[in-house]
Amino acid sequence: MSTTFADHIIEFNKNLSYNGNLPEGFEVLNPYLDNPETLTVMQQFYHKYYDDLSGRKFMIGINPSRHGAGVTGVPFTDTKRLESVCGIKMKSAYTHEVSSVFMYDMIEEYGGADFFYKDIYINSPFPLAIVRKTKNGWLNANYYDDKNLFEAVKDFMIGSLKKHISLNLDRSEVFVLGKKNADFISKLNKEAKLFDTITVLEHPRYIQQYKSKEKQLYIDKYILALKK
């Protein structure tokens, strides 16, 4: 029996670990180690939508947030949409994540989760959650928030992206979410020659927070880019 796309992703996630150095004040969270149910629902999700041998287009976020993939193990998917759209209930956590709202509104217009995930695979160049210590406690951080942080995780990100590409992803065009993210992915691409073309789409969090009145325009932009 052939190893499916889902099998490869699950294996990748199960073996995820970051052992490199980090600048002071930063930590990496591994959702699959922190909560056993995360591993369970992640496997249910990928077996549901990726249990085939087909290739996919690659969409790249930044790194998982503590309330989205940092809990569910599924990019841009909070527990709310994991249950209401994907039919997978998580008992140990309940999260609402702003980016997930936009992403699933767009997925609905694309044709629904079955159609979307048949065409698209989403992950991040740094596929674990990063947090930063502040006077108010630990908060989400992006891999590019600090120059030393980026330098520390750069090789890990290139290795991670190469592993993703080897899953039978289309490398002729990659869809990068967020303009700042795209600047850094371009740097990695220049060094490692990963993708032929980078198409930049506004990040779902930015759209939800600052451009909500124009949300339909951005949904249309996503769908036009992904379906061409």
C-alpha atoms as a PDB file:
ATOM      1  CA  MET A   1       0.000   0.000   0.000  1.00  0.00           C
ATOM      2  CA  SER A   2       1.399   3.387  -1.039  1.00  0.00           C
ATOM      3  CA  THR A   3       2.392   6.009   1.501  1.00  0.00           C
ATOM      4  CA  THR A   4      -0.042   8.905   1.128  1.00  0.00           C
ATOM      5  CA  PHE A   5       0.502  12.643   1.358  1.00  0.00           C
ATOM      6  CA  ALA A   6      -1.176  12.479   4.790  1.00  0.00           C
ATOM      7  CA  ASP A   7       1.268   9.825   5.996  1.00  0.00           C
ATOM      8  CA  HIS A   8       4.236  11.990   5.009  1.00  0.00           C
ATOM      9  CA  ILE A   9       2.856  15.114   6.719  1.00  0.00           C
ATOM     10  CA  ILE A  10       2.019  13.233   9.918  1.00  0.00           C
ATOM     11  CA  GLU A  11       5.506  11.724   9.993  1.00  0.00           C
ATOM     12  CA  PHE A  12       7.031  15.172   9.454  1.00  0.00           C
ATOM     13  CA  ASN A  13       4.983  16.653  12.317  1.00  0.00           C
ATOM     14  CA  LYS A  14       5.698  13.774  14.686  1.00  0.00           C
ATOM     15  CA  ASN A  15       9.447  14.230  14.191  1.00  0.00           C
ATOM     16  CA  LEU A  16       9.457  18.009  14.522  1.00  0.00           C
ATOM     17  CA  SER A  17      11.984  19.375  16.969  1.00  0.00           C
ATOM     18  CA  TYR A  18      14.129  22.464  17.175  1.00  0.00           C
ATOM     19  CA  ASN A  19      17.353  22.017  19.117  1.00  0.00           C
ATOM     20  CA  GLY A  20      19.252  25.080  17.924  1.00  0.00           C
ATOM     21  CA  ASN A  21      20.182  28.156  19.903  1.00  0.00           C
ATOM     22  CA  LEU A  22      17.776  31.056  20.358  1.00  0.00           C
ATOM     23  CA  PRO A  23      18.438  34.662  21.415  1.00  0.00           C
ATOM     24  CA  GLU A  24      17.656  35.400  25.047  1.00  0.00           C
ATOM     25  CA  GLY A  25      13.963  35.940  25.738  1.00  0.00           C
ATOM     26  CA  PHE A  26      12.674  33.612  22.985  1.00  0.00           C
ATOM     27  CA  GLU A  27      11.344  30.082  23.286  1.00  0.00           C
ATOM     28  CA  VAL A  28       9.954  27.504  20.865  1.00  0.00           C
ATOM     29  CA  LEU A  29       6.744  25.608  21.678  1.00  0.00           C
ATOM     30  CA  ASN A  30       6.040  22.215  20.144  1.00  0.00           C
ATOM     31  CA  PRO A  31       2.244  21.674  20.152  1.00  0.00           C
ATOM     32  CA  TYR A  32       2.630  17.951  19.482  1.00  0.00           C
ATOM     33  CA  LEU A  33       4.625  17.470  22.681  1.00  0.00           C
ATOM     34  CA  ASP A  34       2.599  19.874  24.819  1.00  0.00           C
ATOM     35  CA  ASN A  35      -0.822  18.281  24.272  1.00  0.00           C
ATOM     36  CA  PRO A  36      -1.382  14.613  23.264  1.00  0.00           C
ATOM     37  CA  GLU A  37      -4.777  15.506  21.739  1.00  0.00           C
ATOM     38  CA  THR A  38      -3.074  17.870  19.287  1.00  0.00           C
ATOM     39  CA  LEU A  39      -1.313  14.887  17.738  1.00  0.00           C
ATOM     40  CA  THR A  40      -4.630  13.012  17.518  1.00  0.00           C
ATOM     41  CA  VAL A  41      -6.664  15.782  15.843  1.00  0.00           C
ATOM     42  CA  MET A  42      -3.790  16.679  13.500  1.00  0.00           C
ATOM     43  CA  GLN A  43      -3.730  13.071  12.254  1.00  0.00           C
ATOM     44  CA  GLN A  44      -7.523  13.040  11.846  1.00  0.00           C
ATOM     45  CA  PHE A  45      -7.356  16.245   9.793  1.00  0.00           C
ATOM     46  CA  TYR A  46      -4.661  15.056   7.392  1.00  0.00           C
ATOM     47  CA  HIS A  47      -6.193  11.604   6.958  1.00  0.00           C
ATOM     48  CA  LYS A  48      -9.487  13.323   6.107  1.00  0.00           C
ATOM     49  CA  TYR A  49      -8.150  15.772   3.499  1.00  0.00           C
ATOM     50  CA  TYR A  50      -4.776  14.487   2.299  1.00  0.00           C
ATOM     51  CA  ASP A  51      -5.107  10.700   2.169  1.00  0.00           C
ATOM     52  CA  ASP A  52      -4.067  10.442  -1.485  1.00  0.00           C
ATOM     53  CA  LEU A  53      -1.002  10.597  -3.722  1.00  0.00           C
ATOM     54  CA  SER A  54      -1.783  13.929  -5.428  1.00  0.00           C
ATOM     55  CA  GLY A  55       0.564  16.911  -5.475  1.00  0.00           C
ATOM     56  CA  ARG A  56      -0.505  20.279  -4.083  1.00  0.00           C
ATOM     57  CA  LYS A  57       0.232  23.989  -4.409  1.00  0.00           C
ATOM     58  CA  PHE A  58       2.177  25.336  -1.441  1.00  0.00           C
ATOM     59  CA  MET A  59       0.954  28.228   0.723  1.00  0.00           C
ATOM     60  CA  ILE A  60       3.358  29.537   3.354  1.00  0.00           C
ATOM     61  CA  GLY A  61       2.429  31.333   6.572  1.00  0.00           C
ATOM     62  CA  ILE A  62       4.890  32.746   9.126  1.00  0.00           C
ATOM     63  CA  ASN A  63       4.964  30.390  12.116  1.00  0.00           C
ATOM     64  CA  PRO A  64       2.098  28.855  14.108  1.00  0.00           C
ATOM     65  CA  SER A  65       0.247  31.042  16.592  1.00  0.00           C
ATOM     66  CA  ARG A  66      -0.481  29.837  20.116  1.00  0.00           C
ATOM     67  CA  HIS A  67      -4.236  29.916  19.421  1.00  0.00           C
ATOM     68  CA  GLY A  68      -4.302  28.409  15.921  1.00  0.00           C
ATOM     69  CA  ALA A  69      -1.888  25.690  14.787  1.00  0.00           C
ATOM     70  CA  GLY A  70      -0.124  25.971  18.143  1.00  0.00           C
ATOM     71  CA  VAL A  71      -3.161  24.195  19.602  1.00  0.00           C
ATOM     72  CA  THR A  72      -4.709  22.185  16.750  1.00  0.00           C
ATOM     73  CA  GLY A  73      -1.547  21.312  14.835  1.00  0.00           C
ATOM     74  CA  VAL A  74      -3.311  22.500  11.658  1.00  0.00           C
ATOM     75  CA  PRO A  75      -2.196  25.818  10.071  1.00  0.00           C
ATOM     76  CA  PHE A  76      -4.724  28.686  10.256  1.00  0.00           C
ATOM     77  CA  THR A  77      -7.223  26.419  11.991  1.00  0.00           C
ATOM     78  CA  ASP A  78      -8.509  27.164  15.482  1.00  0.00           C
ATOM     79  CA  THR A  79     -10.582  24.642  17.427  1.00  0.00           C
ATOM     80  CA  LYS A  80     -13.762  26.490  16.466  1.00  0.00           C
ATOM     81  CA  ARG A  81     -13.320  25.935  12.721  1.00  0.00           C
ATOM     82  CA  LEU A  82     -11.703  22.541  13.196  1.00  0.00           C
ATOM     83  CA  GLU A  83     -15.046  21.411  14.615  1.00  0.00           C
ATOM     84  CA  SER A  84     -17.582  23.530  12.683  1.00  0.00           C
ATOM     85  CA  VAL A  85     -15.996  23.130   9.224  1.00  0.00           C
ATOM     86  CA  CYS A  86     -13.804  20.032   9.422  1.00  0.00           C
ATOM     87  CA  GLY A  87     -15.995  18.025  11.806  1.00  0.00           C
ATOM     88  CA  ILE A  88     -13.137  17.281  14.209  1.00  0.00           C
ATOM     89  CA  LYS A  89     -13.818  18.115  17.850  1.00  0.00           C
ATOM     90  CA  MET A  90     -11.054  18.948  20.289  1.00  0.00           C
ATOM     91  CA  LYS A  91     -11.998  18.323  23.918  1.00  0.00           C
ATOM     92  CA  SER A  92      -8.956  19.678  25.748  1.00  0.00           C
ATOM     93  CA  ALA A  93      -8.942  23.201  24.274  1.00  0.00           C
ATOM     94  CA  TYR A  94     -11.184  25.897  22.814  1.00  0.00           C
ATOM     95  CA  THR A  95      -9.619  28.628  20.689  1.00  0.00           C
ATOM     96  CA  HIS A  96     -10.691  31.465  18.434  1.00  0.00           C
ATOM     97  CA  GLU A  97      -8.002  32.781  16.107  1.00  0.00           C
ATOM     98  CA  VAL A  98      -8.466  35.878  13.920  1.00  0.00           C
ATOM     99  CA  SER A  99      -6.537  34.521  10.923  1.00  0.00           C
ATOM    100  CA  SER A 100      -8.621  31.346  10.954  1.00  0.00           C
ATOM    101  CA  VAL A 101     -11.806  33.391  10.426  1.00  0.00           C
ATOM    102  CA  PHE A 102     -10.559  34.884   7.153  1.00  0.00           C
ATOM    103  CA  MET A 103      -8.973  31.662   5.951  1.00  0.00           C
ATOM    104  CA  TYR A 104     -12.143  29.618   6.352  1.00  0.00           C
ATOM    105  CA  ASP A 105     -14.355  32.320   4.816  1.00  0.00           C
ATOM    106  CA  MET A 106     -12.026  32.191   1.811  1.00  0.00           C
ATOM    107  CA  ILE A 107     -12.020  28.372   1.804  1.00  0.00           C
ATOM    108  CA  GLU A 108     -15.839  28.368   1.747  1.00  0.00           C
ATOM    109  CA  GLU A 109     -15.864  30.582  -1.345  1.00  0.00           C
ATOM    110  CA  TYR A 110     -13.145  28.466  -2.931  1.00  0.00           C
ATOM    111  CA  GLY A 111     -15.608  25.585  -2.876  1.00  0.00           C
ATOM    112  CA  GLY A 112     -15.248  24.232   0.645  1.00  0.00           C
ATOM    113  CA  ALA A 113     -12.581  22.432   2.634  1.00  0.00           C
ATOM    114  CA  ASP A 114     -12.643  19.253   0.507  1.00  0.00           C
ATOM    115  CA  PHE A 115     -11.892  21.171  -2.695  1.00  0.00           C
ATOM    116  CA  PHE A 116      -9.436  23.592  -1.125  1.00  0.00           C
ATOM    117  CA  TYR A 117      -7.281  21.032   0.645  1.00  0.00           C
ATOM    118  CA  LYS A 118      -7.282  18.810  -2.458  1.00  0.00           C
ATOM    119  CA  ASP A 119      -5.441  21.642  -4.228  1.00  0.00           C
ATOM    120  CA  ILE A 120      -3.531  23.474  -1.479  1.00  0.00           C
ATOM    121  CA  TYR A 121      -1.147  22.544   1.319  1.00  0.00           C
ATOM    122  CA  ILE A 122      -0.411  25.150   4.004  1.00  0.00           C
ATOM    123  CA  ASN A 123       2.503  25.251   6.381  1.00  0.00           C
ATOM    124  CA  SER A 124       5.166  27.610   7.701  1.00  0.00           C
ATOM    125  CA  PRO A 125       8.897  27.999   7.102  1.00  0.00           C
ATOM    126  CA  PHE A 126       9.269  27.656  10.870  1.00  0.00           C
ATOM    127  CA  PRO A 127       6.564  25.087  11.711  1.00  0.00           C
ATOM    128  CA  LEU A 128       6.687  25.449  15.508  1.00  0.00           C
ATOM    129  CA  ALA A 129       5.289  28.257  17.664  1.00  0.00           C
ATOM    130  CA  ILE A 130       7.701  30.962  18.853  1.00  0.00           C
ATOM    131  CA  VAL A 131       7.045  33.012  21.978  1.00  0.00           C
ATOM    132  CA  ARG A 132       8.851  36.031  23.412  1.00  0.00           C
ATOM    133  CA  LYS A 133       9.145  36.973  27.072  1.00  0.00           C
ATOM    134  CA  THR A 134       7.687  40.396  27.883  1.00  0.00           C
ATOM    135  CA  LYS A 135       6.771  42.203  31.088  1.00  0.00           C
ATOM    136  CA  ASN A 136       3.196  40.987  30.460  1.00  0.00           C
ATOM    137  CA  GLY A 137       4.227  37.340  30.090  1.00  0.00           C
ATOM    138  CA  TRP A 138       4.940  35.200  27.034  1.00  0.00           C
ATOM    139  CA  LEU A 139       3.502  36.485  23.749  1.00  0.00           C
ATOM    140  CA  ASN A 140       3.467  35.225  20.152  1.00  0.00           C
ATOM    141  CA  ALA A 141       6.562  36.102  18.141  1.00  0.00           C
ATOM    142  CA  ASN A 142       7.380  35.872  14.438  1.00  0.00           C
ATOM    143  CA  TYR A 143      10.640  34.338  13.241  1.00  0.00           C
ATOM    144  CA  TYR A 144      11.602  37.695  11.649  1.00  0.00           C
ATOM    145  CA  ASP A 145      10.881  39.904  14.688  1.00  0.00           C
ATOM    146  CA  ASP A 146      14.518  39.896  15.731  1.00  0.00           C
ATOM    147  CA  LYS A 147      17.571  39.802  13.457  1.00  0.00           C
ATOM    148  CA  ASN A 148      19.400  37.341  15.716  1.00  0.00           C
ATOM    149  CA  LEU A 149      16.324  35.114  15.907  1.00  0.00           C
ATOM    150  CA  PHE A 150      16.110  34.942  12.100  1.00  0.00           C
ATOM    151  CA  GLU A 151      19.800  34.109  11.818  1.00  0.00           C
ATOM    152  CA  ALA A 152      19.416  31.409  14.482  1.00  0.00           C
ATOM    153  CA  VAL A 153      16.530  29.632  12.746  1.00  0.00           C
ATOM    154  CA  LYS A 154      17.404  30.305   9.079  1.00  0.00           C
ATOM    155  CA  ASP A 155      19.077  26.956   8.323  1.00  0.00           C
ATOM    156  CA  PHE A 156      16.305  25.080  10.125  1.00  0.00           C
ATOM    157  CA  MET A 157      13.715  26.891   7.960  1.00  0.00           C
ATOM    158  CA  ILE A 158      15.520  26.060   4.713  1.00  0.00           C
ATOM    159  CA  GLY A 159      15.691  22.402   5.751  1.00  0.00           C
ATOM    160  CA  SER A 160      12.014  22.434   6.701  1.00  0.00           C
ATOM    161  CA  LEU A 161      10.949  23.985   3.379  1.00  0.00           C
ATOM    162  CA  LYS A 162      13.015  21.424   1.455  1.00  0.00           C
ATOM    163  CA  LYS A 163      11.305  18.597   3.343  1.00  0.00           C
ATOM    164  CA  HIS A 164       7.904  20.083   2.495  1.00  0.00           C
ATOM    165  CA  ILE A 165       8.771  20.426  -1.186  1.00  0.00           C
ATOM    166  CA  SER A 166       9.804  16.760  -1.267  1.00  0.00           C
ATOM    167  CA  LEU A 167       6.212  15.812  -0.336  1.00  0.00           C
ATOM    168  CA  ASN A 168       5.232  16.426  -3.985  1.00  0.00           C
ATOM    169  CA  LEU A 169       4.530  20.142  -3.756  1.00  0.00           C
ATOM    170  CA  ASP A 170       4.577  22.369  -6.824  1.00  0.00           C
ATOM    171  CA  ARG A 171       7.754  24.462  -6.596  1.00  0.00           C
ATOM    172  CA  SER A 172       7.079  26.503  -9.750  1.00  0.00           C
ATOM    173  CA  GLU A 173       5.003  28.990  -7.715  1.00  0.00           C
ATOM    174  CA  VAL A 174       4.678  29.428  -3.966  1.00  0.00           C
ATOM    175  CA  PHE A 175       2.026  31.566  -2.247  1.00  0.00           C
ATOM    176  CA  VAL A 176       3.469  33.539   0.662  1.00  0.00           C
ATOM    177  CA  LEU A 177       1.179  35.193   3.216  1.00  0.00           C
ATOM    178  CA  GLY A 178       2.345  38.601   4.424  1.00  0.00           C
ATOM    179  CA  LYS A 179       4.639  41.107   2.699  1.00  0.00           C
ATOM    180  CA  LYS A 180       7.308  41.079   5.411  1.00  0.00           C
ATOM    181  CA  ASN A 181       7.220  37.290   5.451  1.00  0.00           C
ATOM    182  CA  ALA A 182       7.715  37.332   1.671  1.00  0.00           C
ATOM    183  CA  ASP A 183      10.814  39.535   2.009  1.00  0.00           C
ATOM    184  CA  PHE A 184      12.427  36.935   4.243  1.00  0.00           C
ATOM    185  CA  ILE A 185      11.249  33.959   2.155  1.00  0.00           C
ATOM    186  CA  SER A 186      12.837  35.719  -0.846  1.00  0.00           C
ATOM    187  CA  LYS A 187      16.140  35.816   1.063  1.00  0.00           C
ATOM    188  CA  LEU A 188      15.899  32.097   1.773  1.00  0.00           C
ATOM    189  CA  ASN A 189      14.911  31.428  -1.841  1.00  0.00           C
ATOM    190  CA  LYS A 190      17.901  33.365  -3.167  1.00  0.00           C
ATOM    191  CA  GLU A 191      20.191  31.253  -1.024  1.00  0.00           C
ATOM    192  CA  ALA A 192      18.563  27.828  -1.433  1.00  0.00           C
ATOM    193  CA  LYS A 193      16.799  28.056  -4.859  1.00  0.00           C
ATOM    194  CA  LEU A 194      13.544  26.610  -3.534  1.00  0.00           C
ATOM    195  CA  PHE A 195      10.845  28.132  -5.776  1.00  0.00           C
ATOM    196  CA  ASP A 196      10.657  29.594  -9.290  1.00  0.00           C
ATOM    197  CA  THR A 197       8.096  32.293  -8.478  1.00  0.00           C
ATOM    198  CA  ILE A 198       6.872  33.875  -5.242  1.00  0.00           C
ATOM    199  CA  THR A 199       3.311  35.223  -5.233  1.00  0.00           C
ATOM    200  CA  VAL A 200       2.583  37.453  -2.253  1.00  0.00           C
ATOM    201  CA  LEU A 201      -0.863  37.578  -0.616  1.00  0.00           C
ATOM    202  CA  GLU A 202      -1.819  39.779   2.324  1.00  0.00           C
ATOM    203  CA  HIS A 203      -1.758  37.939   5.627  1.00  0.00           C
ATOM    204  CA  PRO A 204      -5.201  36.885   6.968  1.00  0.00           C
ATOM    205  CA  ARG A 205      -4.551  38.582  10.328  1.00  0.00           C
ATOM    206  CA  TYR A 206      -3.772  41.894   8.589  1.00  0.00           C
ATOM    207  CA  ILE A 207      -6.937  41.629   6.486  1.00  0.00           C
ATOM    208  CA  GLN A 208      -9.186  40.813   9.452  1.00  0.00           C
ATOM    209  CA  GLN A 209      -7.718  43.543  11.682  1.00  0.00           C
ATOM    210  CA  TYR A 210      -7.152  46.415   9.268  1.00  0.00           C
ATOM    211  CA  LYS A 211      -9.015  45.732   6.021  1.00  0.00           C
ATOM    212  CA  SER A 212     -12.212  44.008   7.157  1.00  0.00           C
ATOM    213  CA  LYS A 213     -14.418  46.334   5.095  1.00  0.00           C
ATOM    214  CA  GLU A 214     -12.564  45.208   1.969  1.00  0.00           C
ATOM    215  CA  LYS A 215     -12.483  41.544   2.968  1.00  0.00           C
ATOM    216  CA  GLN A 216     -14.329  40.349  -0.141  1.00  0.00           C
ATOM    217  CA  LEU A 217     -11.683  41.949  -2.370  1.00  0.00           C
ATOM    218  CA  TYR A 218      -8.977  39.968  -0.597  1.00  0.00           C
ATOM    219  CA  ILE A 219     -10.971  36.737  -0.753  1.00  0.00           C
ATOM    220  CA  ASP A 220     -11.334  37.275  -4.507  1.00  0.00           C
ATOM    221  CA  LYS A 221      -7.602  38.033  -4.786  1.00  0.00           C
ATOM    222  CA  TYR A 222      -6.696  34.778  -3.025  1.00  0.00           C
ATOM    223  CA  ILE A 223      -9.021  32.675  -5.162  1.00  0.00           C
ATOM    224  CA  LEU A 224      -7.886  34.272  -8.435  1.00  0.00           C
ATOM    225  CA  ALA A 225      -4.250  33.634  -7.531  1.00  0.00           C
ATOM    226  CA  LEU A 226      -4.775  30.059  -6.362  1.00  0.00           C
ATOM    227  CA  LYS A 227      -7.052  28.923  -9.196  1.00  0.00           C
ATOM    228  CA  LYS A 228      -5.179  30.399 -12.164  1.00  0.00           C
END
